[in-house]
N, C-alpha and C. Protein backbone atom coordinates (compact mmCIF):
# COMPACT_ATOMS: atom_id res chain seq x y z
N MET A 1 0.84 -1.17 0.00
CA MET A 1 0.00 0.00 0.00
C MET A 1 0.89 1.24 0.00
N PRO A 2 0.60 2.26 -0.87
CA PRO A 2 1.45 3.43 -0.93
C PRO A 2 1.38 4.26 0.34
N LYS A 3 2.47 4.92 0.63
CA LYS A 3 2.55 5.77 1.80
C LYS A 3 1.66 6.99 1.63
N GLN A 4 0.90 7.33 2.65
CA GLN A 4 -0.01 8.47 2.61
C GLN A 4 0.81 9.77 2.68
N LEU A 5 0.59 10.65 1.72
CA LEU A 5 1.26 11.95 1.73
C LEU A 5 0.52 12.88 2.66
N SER A 6 1.25 13.58 3.49
CA SER A 6 0.61 14.55 4.37
C SER A 6 0.87 15.95 3.82
N LEU A 7 -0.05 16.84 4.08
CA LEU A 7 0.02 18.20 3.60
C LEU A 7 0.59 19.09 4.70
N SER A 8 1.64 19.84 4.40
CA SER A 8 2.22 20.76 5.38
C SER A 8 1.24 21.89 5.66
N GLN A 9 1.27 22.39 6.86
CA GLN A 9 0.33 23.45 7.26
C GLN A 9 0.93 24.84 7.04
N HIS A 10 1.27 25.15 5.78
CA HIS A 10 1.76 26.50 5.49
C HIS A 10 0.63 27.51 5.65
N LEU A 11 -0.55 27.13 5.22
CA LEU A 11 -1.73 28.00 5.33
C LEU A 11 -2.88 27.17 5.90
N SER A 12 -3.77 27.84 6.62
CA SER A 12 -4.93 27.13 7.17
C SER A 12 -5.94 26.87 6.06
N THR A 13 -6.92 26.04 6.35
CA THR A 13 -7.96 25.72 5.37
C THR A 13 -8.71 26.97 4.95
N LEU A 14 -9.00 27.86 5.90
CA LEU A 14 -9.71 29.10 5.58
C LEU A 14 -8.86 30.03 4.72
N GLU A 15 -7.56 30.09 4.98
CA GLU A 15 -6.67 30.92 4.16
C GLU A 15 -6.58 30.37 2.74
N LEU A 16 -6.54 29.04 2.62
CA LEU A 16 -6.51 28.43 1.29
C LEU A 16 -7.79 28.71 0.53
N LEU A 17 -8.94 28.63 1.23
CA LEU A 17 -10.22 28.93 0.60
C LEU A 17 -10.27 30.38 0.14
N ASP A 18 -9.75 31.28 0.96
CA ASP A 18 -9.72 32.71 0.60
C ASP A 18 -8.83 32.95 -0.61
N ARG A 19 -7.67 32.33 -0.63
CA ARG A 19 -6.77 32.51 -1.77
C ARG A 19 -7.33 31.86 -3.03
N TYR A 20 -8.06 30.76 -2.86
CA TYR A 20 -8.72 30.12 -3.99
C TYR A 20 -9.76 31.07 -4.59
N GLY A 21 -10.50 31.75 -3.76
CA GLY A 21 -11.52 32.68 -4.25
C GLY A 21 -10.95 33.94 -4.85
N ASN A 22 -9.78 34.37 -4.41
CA ASN A 22 -9.19 35.64 -4.86
C ASN A 22 -8.03 35.45 -5.85
N ALA A 23 -7.82 34.25 -6.34
CA ALA A 23 -6.70 33.99 -7.25
C ALA A 23 -6.88 34.78 -8.55
N SER A 24 -5.77 35.27 -9.08
CA SER A 24 -5.83 36.12 -10.27
C SER A 24 -5.77 35.33 -11.57
N SER A 25 -5.19 34.16 -11.56
CA SER A 25 -5.09 33.37 -12.80
C SER A 25 -5.82 32.04 -12.62
N VAL A 26 -6.19 31.45 -13.72
CA VAL A 26 -6.91 30.18 -13.70
C VAL A 26 -6.04 29.07 -13.11
N ILE A 27 -4.78 29.07 -13.48
CA ILE A 27 -3.87 28.03 -12.99
C ILE A 27 -3.70 28.14 -11.48
N GLU A 28 -3.47 29.36 -11.02
CA GLU A 28 -3.31 29.58 -9.58
C GLU A 28 -4.59 29.17 -8.84
N LYS A 29 -5.73 29.51 -9.41
CA LYS A 29 -7.02 29.18 -8.80
C LYS A 29 -7.19 27.66 -8.67
N SER A 30 -6.86 26.92 -9.73
CA SER A 30 -7.02 25.46 -9.66
C SER A 30 -6.04 24.84 -8.68
N HIS A 31 -4.84 25.38 -8.58
CA HIS A 31 -3.86 24.85 -7.62
C HIS A 31 -4.34 25.08 -6.19
N TYR A 32 -4.85 26.29 -5.91
CA TYR A 32 -5.37 26.55 -4.56
C TYR A 32 -6.58 25.68 -4.26
N GLN A 33 -7.41 25.44 -5.29
CA GLN A 33 -8.57 24.57 -5.09
C GLN A 33 -8.13 23.17 -4.70
N ILE A 34 -7.14 22.65 -5.40
CA ILE A 34 -6.65 21.29 -5.12
C ILE A 34 -6.09 21.21 -3.71
N ILE A 35 -5.25 22.15 -3.33
CA ILE A 35 -4.65 22.12 -1.99
C ILE A 35 -5.72 22.34 -0.92
N TRP A 36 -6.69 23.21 -1.19
CA TRP A 36 -7.78 23.45 -0.25
C TRP A 36 -8.59 22.17 -0.04
N LEU A 37 -8.95 21.48 -1.14
CA LEU A 37 -9.70 20.24 -1.02
C LEU A 37 -8.92 19.19 -0.24
N LEU A 38 -7.62 19.12 -0.48
CA LEU A 38 -6.78 18.17 0.27
C LEU A 38 -6.73 18.54 1.76
N SER A 39 -6.72 19.84 2.05
CA SER A 39 -6.64 20.27 3.45
C SER A 39 -7.94 19.99 4.21
N THR A 40 -9.04 19.81 3.47
CA THR A 40 -10.30 19.47 4.13
C THR A 40 -10.40 17.99 4.44
N GLY A 41 -9.42 17.21 4.03
CA GLY A 41 -9.38 15.79 4.36
C GLY A 41 -9.72 14.87 3.20
N LYS A 42 -9.94 15.41 2.04
CA LYS A 42 -10.25 14.57 0.88
C LYS A 42 -8.98 13.86 0.41
N ALA A 43 -9.16 12.67 -0.12
CA ALA A 43 -8.04 11.87 -0.62
C ALA A 43 -7.63 12.39 -2.00
N PRO A 44 -6.34 12.23 -2.36
CA PRO A 44 -5.88 12.68 -3.68
C PRO A 44 -6.70 12.08 -4.83
N LYS A 45 -7.14 10.84 -4.69
CA LYS A 45 -7.95 10.22 -5.75
C LYS A 45 -9.27 10.96 -5.92
N GLN A 46 -9.91 11.32 -4.81
CA GLN A 46 -11.17 12.06 -4.87
C GLN A 46 -10.96 13.44 -5.49
N VAL A 47 -9.88 14.11 -5.09
CA VAL A 47 -9.58 15.44 -5.61
C VAL A 47 -9.30 15.36 -7.12
N ALA A 48 -8.62 14.30 -7.53
CA ALA A 48 -8.34 14.12 -8.96
C ALA A 48 -9.64 13.96 -9.74
N GLU A 49 -10.58 13.20 -9.21
CA GLU A 49 -11.87 13.02 -9.88
C GLU A 49 -12.67 14.32 -9.90
N MET A 50 -12.61 15.09 -8.83
CA MET A 50 -13.38 16.34 -8.73
C MET A 50 -12.83 17.43 -9.65
N THR A 51 -11.53 17.46 -9.81
CA THR A 51 -10.90 18.56 -10.55
C THR A 51 -10.47 18.17 -11.96
N SER A 52 -10.57 16.91 -12.31
CA SER A 52 -10.16 16.40 -13.64
C SER A 52 -8.66 16.49 -13.87
N TYR A 53 -7.88 16.55 -12.81
CA TYR A 53 -6.43 16.46 -12.91
C TYR A 53 -6.03 15.02 -12.58
N SER A 54 -4.86 14.61 -13.05
CA SER A 54 -4.40 13.25 -12.76
C SER A 54 -3.87 13.18 -11.33
N GLN A 55 -3.87 11.97 -10.80
CA GLN A 55 -3.34 11.78 -9.45
C GLN A 55 -1.85 12.12 -9.41
N THR A 56 -1.16 11.83 -10.49
CA THR A 56 0.27 12.15 -10.54
C THR A 56 0.49 13.64 -10.36
N TRP A 57 -0.32 14.45 -11.04
CA TRP A 57 -0.19 15.91 -10.92
C TRP A 57 -0.58 16.37 -9.53
N ILE A 58 -1.58 15.75 -8.92
CA ILE A 58 -1.99 16.09 -7.55
C ILE A 58 -0.82 15.84 -6.60
N TYR A 59 -0.14 14.71 -6.77
CA TYR A 59 1.01 14.40 -5.91
C TYR A 59 2.16 15.39 -6.14
N GLN A 60 2.36 15.79 -7.39
CA GLN A 60 3.41 16.79 -7.67
C GLN A 60 3.07 18.12 -7.00
N LEU A 61 1.80 18.51 -7.04
CA LEU A 61 1.40 19.76 -6.36
C LEU A 61 1.58 19.65 -4.85
N ILE A 62 1.25 18.49 -4.28
CA ILE A 62 1.45 18.29 -2.85
C ILE A 62 2.92 18.46 -2.50
N ASN A 63 3.80 17.84 -3.28
CA ASN A 63 5.24 17.95 -3.03
C ASN A 63 5.71 19.38 -3.17
N ARG A 64 5.26 20.08 -4.21
CA ARG A 64 5.66 21.49 -4.39
C ARG A 64 5.17 22.35 -3.24
N TYR A 65 3.94 22.13 -2.78
CA TYR A 65 3.38 22.91 -1.68
C TYR A 65 4.12 22.59 -0.38
N ASN A 66 4.43 21.33 -0.15
CA ASN A 66 5.15 20.95 1.07
C ASN A 66 6.56 21.54 1.09
N GLU A 67 7.24 21.58 -0.08
CA GLU A 67 8.61 22.08 -0.14
C GLU A 67 8.69 23.60 -0.10
N ARG A 68 7.82 24.27 -0.88
CA ARG A 68 7.95 25.72 -1.06
C ARG A 68 6.79 26.53 -0.51
N GLY A 69 5.78 25.86 -0.04
CA GLY A 69 4.62 26.58 0.48
C GLY A 69 3.86 27.27 -0.64
N GLU A 70 3.42 28.47 -0.37
CA GLU A 70 2.61 29.22 -1.33
C GLU A 70 3.35 29.51 -2.63
N GLU A 71 4.68 29.69 -2.58
CA GLU A 71 5.47 29.96 -3.79
C GLU A 71 5.50 28.77 -4.74
N GLY A 72 5.17 27.58 -4.26
CA GLY A 72 5.16 26.39 -5.10
C GLY A 72 3.90 26.25 -5.93
N LEU A 73 2.93 27.12 -5.70
CA LEU A 73 1.67 27.05 -6.44
C LEU A 73 1.64 28.13 -7.52
N GLY A 74 0.80 27.91 -8.50
CA GLY A 74 0.67 28.87 -9.59
C GLY A 74 1.51 28.46 -10.79
N ASP A 75 1.47 29.28 -11.81
CA ASP A 75 2.18 29.00 -13.05
C ASP A 75 3.65 29.39 -12.88
N LEU A 76 4.51 28.41 -12.74
CA LEU A 76 5.93 28.67 -12.50
C LEU A 76 6.73 28.80 -13.79
N ARG A 77 6.06 28.64 -14.94
CA ARG A 77 6.77 28.74 -16.21
C ARG A 77 7.25 30.17 -16.47
N ALA A 78 6.50 31.16 -15.99
CA ALA A 78 6.87 32.55 -16.24
C ALA A 78 8.18 32.92 -15.56
N SER A 79 8.49 32.29 -14.44
CA SER A 79 9.71 32.62 -13.72
C SER A 79 10.89 31.73 -14.13
N ASN A 80 10.68 30.87 -15.12
CA ASN A 80 11.75 30.00 -15.60
C ASN A 80 12.51 30.72 -16.72
N PRO A 81 13.76 31.09 -16.49
CA PRO A 81 14.49 31.85 -17.51
C PRO A 81 14.93 30.99 -18.70
N GLY A 82 14.84 29.69 -18.59
CA GLY A 82 15.26 28.83 -19.68
C GLY A 82 16.73 28.47 -19.56
N LYS A 83 17.21 27.78 -20.56
CA LYS A 83 18.59 27.31 -20.55
C LYS A 83 19.55 28.45 -20.88
N GLU A 84 20.72 28.40 -20.30
CA GLU A 84 21.76 29.38 -20.59
C GLU A 84 22.19 29.26 -22.05
N PRO A 85 22.49 30.37 -22.71
CA PRO A 85 22.95 30.28 -24.10
C PRO A 85 24.31 29.56 -24.18
N LEU A 86 24.56 28.97 -25.33
CA LEU A 86 25.82 28.24 -25.52
C LEU A 86 27.02 29.18 -25.48
N LEU A 87 26.85 30.38 -26.02
CA LEU A 87 27.93 31.37 -26.05
C LEU A 87 27.54 32.56 -25.18
N ASN A 88 28.50 33.02 -24.37
CA ASN A 88 28.23 34.23 -23.59
C ASN A 88 28.37 35.46 -24.49
N ASP A 89 28.17 36.64 -23.93
CA ASP A 89 28.20 37.87 -24.74
C ASP A 89 29.56 38.08 -25.42
N VAL A 90 30.63 37.80 -24.70
CA VAL A 90 31.97 38.00 -25.26
C VAL A 90 32.20 37.03 -26.43
N GLN A 91 31.80 35.78 -26.23
CA GLN A 91 31.98 34.78 -27.29
C GLN A 91 31.10 35.10 -28.51
N GLN A 92 29.92 35.64 -28.26
CA GLN A 92 29.05 36.03 -29.39
C GLN A 92 29.68 37.18 -30.17
N ALA A 93 30.30 38.11 -29.45
CA ALA A 93 31.00 39.21 -30.14
C ALA A 93 32.17 38.67 -30.95
N GLN A 94 32.88 37.69 -30.39
CA GLN A 94 33.99 37.06 -31.14
C GLN A 94 33.46 36.38 -32.39
N LEU A 95 32.33 35.69 -32.27
CA LEU A 95 31.75 35.01 -33.43
C LEU A 95 31.34 36.03 -34.49
N HIS A 96 30.76 37.12 -34.06
CA HIS A 96 30.37 38.16 -35.01
C HIS A 96 31.60 38.69 -35.75
N GLN A 97 32.69 38.87 -35.03
CA GLN A 97 33.94 39.34 -35.64
C GLN A 97 34.48 38.30 -36.62
N VAL A 98 34.44 37.04 -36.24
CA VAL A 98 34.95 35.96 -37.10
C VAL A 98 34.12 35.87 -38.38
N LEU A 99 32.82 36.07 -38.27
CA LEU A 99 31.94 35.95 -39.43
C LEU A 99 32.16 37.06 -40.45
N THR A 100 32.79 38.16 -40.05
CA THR A 100 33.06 39.23 -41.01
C THR A 100 34.21 38.84 -41.95
N ASN A 101 35.01 37.87 -41.56
CA ASN A 101 36.11 37.38 -42.39
C ASN A 101 35.68 36.12 -43.12
N PRO A 102 36.35 35.78 -44.22
CA PRO A 102 36.02 34.53 -44.91
C PRO A 102 36.36 33.32 -44.04
N ALA A 103 35.67 32.24 -44.30
CA ALA A 103 35.94 31.00 -43.57
C ALA A 103 37.35 30.51 -43.88
N ARG A 104 37.89 29.63 -43.02
CA ARG A 104 39.26 29.14 -43.18
C ARG A 104 39.49 28.46 -44.53
N ASP A 105 38.48 27.73 -44.99
CA ASP A 105 38.65 27.00 -46.25
C ASP A 105 38.40 27.88 -47.46
N GLY A 106 38.12 29.16 -47.23
CA GLY A 106 37.90 30.08 -48.33
C GLY A 106 36.47 30.12 -48.81
N GLY A 107 35.62 29.20 -48.35
CA GLY A 107 34.22 29.16 -48.77
C GLY A 107 33.37 30.09 -47.92
N LEU A 108 32.08 29.88 -47.99
CA LEU A 108 31.14 30.67 -47.22
C LEU A 108 30.92 30.04 -45.85
N TRP A 109 30.54 30.86 -44.88
CA TRP A 109 30.21 30.35 -43.56
C TRP A 109 28.88 29.61 -43.65
N ASN A 110 28.80 28.45 -43.01
CA ASN A 110 27.56 27.70 -42.93
C ASN A 110 27.43 27.15 -41.51
N GLY A 111 26.34 26.42 -41.26
CA GLY A 111 26.09 25.91 -39.92
C GLY A 111 27.19 25.01 -39.41
N ARG A 112 27.73 24.16 -40.28
CA ARG A 112 28.78 23.23 -39.86
C ARG A 112 30.04 23.98 -39.44
N LYS A 113 30.42 24.97 -40.22
CA LYS A 113 31.66 25.72 -39.91
C LYS A 113 31.49 26.54 -38.64
N VAL A 114 30.32 27.14 -38.46
CA VAL A 114 30.07 27.91 -37.23
C VAL A 114 30.07 26.97 -36.03
N ALA A 115 29.46 25.79 -36.18
CA ALA A 115 29.43 24.82 -35.09
C ALA A 115 30.84 24.35 -34.73
N GLU A 116 31.68 24.14 -35.72
CA GLU A 116 33.07 23.74 -35.45
C GLU A 116 33.80 24.84 -34.68
N TRP A 117 33.59 26.09 -35.10
CA TRP A 117 34.23 27.21 -34.40
C TRP A 117 33.72 27.29 -32.96
N MET A 118 32.40 27.12 -32.79
CA MET A 118 31.83 27.16 -31.44
C MET A 118 32.36 26.02 -30.57
N SER A 119 32.54 24.85 -31.18
CA SER A 119 33.07 23.70 -30.44
C SER A 119 34.49 23.97 -29.94
N GLN A 120 35.29 24.64 -30.77
CA GLN A 120 36.66 24.97 -30.35
C GLN A 120 36.65 25.96 -29.19
N ILE A 121 35.74 26.93 -29.24
CA ILE A 121 35.68 27.96 -28.19
C ILE A 121 35.15 27.40 -26.88
N THR A 122 34.06 26.62 -26.95
CA THR A 122 33.41 26.15 -25.73
C THR A 122 33.98 24.85 -25.19
N GLY A 123 34.62 24.06 -26.05
CA GLY A 123 35.11 22.77 -25.62
C GLY A 123 34.02 21.70 -25.59
N LYS A 124 32.84 22.03 -26.10
CA LYS A 124 31.72 21.09 -26.17
C LYS A 124 31.43 20.79 -27.63
N LYS A 125 30.86 19.62 -27.86
CA LYS A 125 30.45 19.28 -29.23
C LYS A 125 29.15 20.02 -29.53
N ILE A 126 29.17 20.83 -30.57
CA ILE A 126 28.01 21.63 -30.98
C ILE A 126 27.50 21.08 -32.31
N SER A 127 26.19 20.92 -32.40
CA SER A 127 25.62 20.37 -33.63
C SER A 127 25.58 21.43 -34.74
N ARG A 128 25.49 20.95 -35.98
CA ARG A 128 25.42 21.86 -37.13
C ARG A 128 24.20 22.76 -37.03
N MET A 129 23.11 22.21 -36.49
CA MET A 129 21.88 23.00 -36.38
C MET A 129 22.08 24.20 -35.46
N ARG A 130 22.77 24.00 -34.34
CA ARG A 130 23.04 25.12 -33.42
C ARG A 130 23.92 26.16 -34.11
N GLY A 131 24.87 25.68 -34.91
CA GLY A 131 25.70 26.61 -35.68
C GLY A 131 24.87 27.43 -36.64
N TRP A 132 23.93 26.78 -37.30
CA TRP A 132 23.05 27.49 -38.24
C TRP A 132 22.18 28.49 -37.50
N GLU A 133 21.67 28.11 -36.31
CA GLU A 133 20.83 29.03 -35.52
C GLU A 133 21.62 30.28 -35.13
N TYR A 134 22.86 30.10 -34.71
CA TYR A 134 23.68 31.26 -34.36
C TYR A 134 24.01 32.09 -35.59
N LEU A 135 24.21 31.44 -36.73
CA LEU A 135 24.47 32.16 -37.97
C LEU A 135 23.26 33.03 -38.33
N LYS A 136 22.06 32.49 -38.20
CA LYS A 136 20.84 33.24 -38.49
C LYS A 136 20.60 34.32 -37.44
N GLN A 137 20.93 34.02 -36.19
CA GLN A 137 20.77 35.00 -35.11
C GLN A 137 21.64 36.22 -35.36
N MET A 138 22.81 36.01 -35.94
CA MET A 138 23.72 37.11 -36.27
C MET A 138 23.32 37.79 -37.59
N GLU A 139 22.19 37.36 -38.14
CA GLU A 139 21.63 37.91 -39.38
C GLU A 139 22.56 37.72 -40.58
N TYR A 140 23.21 36.59 -40.62
CA TYR A 140 24.03 36.23 -41.77
C TYR A 140 23.24 35.23 -42.61
N SER A 141 23.46 35.26 -43.89
CA SER A 141 22.85 34.29 -44.79
C SER A 141 23.87 33.91 -45.84
N LEU A 142 23.62 32.78 -46.45
CA LEU A 142 24.52 32.34 -47.51
C LEU A 142 24.29 33.22 -48.74
N LYS A 143 25.32 33.91 -49.14
CA LYS A 143 25.22 34.78 -50.30
C LYS A 143 26.04 34.16 -51.42
N VAL A 144 25.36 33.47 -52.30
CA VAL A 144 26.00 32.77 -53.40
C VAL A 144 25.66 33.52 -54.68
N PRO A 145 26.67 33.86 -55.49
CA PRO A 145 26.36 34.57 -56.74
C PRO A 145 25.55 33.69 -57.68
N ARG A 146 24.77 34.35 -58.53
CA ARG A 146 23.99 33.60 -59.51
C ARG A 146 24.94 32.85 -60.44
N PRO A 147 24.56 31.67 -60.85
CA PRO A 147 25.44 30.90 -61.74
C PRO A 147 25.52 31.55 -63.12
N GLU A 148 26.68 31.45 -63.73
CA GLU A 148 26.90 31.99 -65.07
C GLU A 148 27.31 30.85 -65.99
N HIS A 149 26.89 30.96 -67.20
CA HIS A 149 27.26 29.96 -68.19
C HIS A 149 28.74 30.09 -68.52
N ASP A 150 29.38 28.98 -68.82
CA ASP A 150 30.82 29.00 -69.10
C ASP A 150 31.16 29.78 -70.37
N GLU A 151 30.28 29.76 -71.34
CA GLU A 151 30.57 30.40 -72.62
C GLU A 151 29.90 31.77 -72.74
N ILE A 152 29.75 32.48 -71.65
CA ILE A 152 29.09 33.79 -71.66
C ILE A 152 29.94 34.80 -72.44
N SER A 153 29.27 35.63 -73.19
CA SER A 153 29.95 36.68 -73.95
C SER A 153 29.43 38.02 -73.46
N LEU A 154 30.25 38.75 -72.73
CA LEU A 154 29.83 40.04 -72.22
C LEU A 154 29.60 41.05 -73.33
N ALA A 155 30.27 40.88 -74.45
CA ALA A 155 30.12 41.82 -75.56
C ALA A 155 28.75 41.66 -76.23
N GLU A 156 28.19 40.44 -76.28
CA GLU A 156 26.91 40.21 -76.94
C GLU A 156 25.71 40.54 -76.06
N GLN A 157 25.90 40.70 -74.75
CA GLN A 157 24.78 40.93 -73.85
C GLN A 157 23.94 42.15 -74.22
N PRO A 158 24.54 43.30 -74.53
CA PRO A 158 23.69 44.47 -74.85
C PRO A 158 22.77 44.24 -76.04
N SER A 159 23.16 43.42 -76.99
CA SER A 159 22.31 43.20 -78.15
C SER A 159 21.06 42.38 -77.81
N TRP A 160 21.07 41.67 -76.74
CA TRP A 160 19.91 40.88 -76.33
C TRP A 160 18.94 41.66 -75.45
N LYS A 161 19.31 42.83 -74.98
CA LYS A 161 18.41 43.62 -74.14
C LYS A 161 17.27 44.16 -74.99
N LYS A 162 16.07 44.24 -74.40
CA LYS A 162 14.89 44.68 -75.13
C LYS A 162 14.86 46.20 -75.28
N ASN A 163 15.31 46.94 -74.35
CA ASN A 163 15.26 48.41 -74.42
C ASN A 163 16.61 49.01 -74.62
């Protein structure tokens, strides 16, 4: 039989009910409702049936509330800054400087070449796609001249113009 999770008493049942009624967002409101229902003695399975949330999510909310109290409830995605960028500001400036020069092989810069350069700087293996993303982020694009026929005659071109 699974161990019964107990709810920490960060807030009283009346305080939870008040916060449930005064919540500003839908997510925050549903989280307070779940914790309030649990504080009244209802089982997680009953609360899951009443609120249409899964029992797994109910247990995750219980753990978040027990660990962080009121700060553990609500939409926490807004406060998540995301993953750190692969290159810091100085390294991005270096990449921008490097991109102003031709690539080592004399060709154009592409995702693979940028990724190789980034791998040397960071010491981590960087995929070609990340190299391409940084290339696009720096507003660079592949600039390839239009193809020309091998037997082009510059002297005959004016005679073919319509005007």
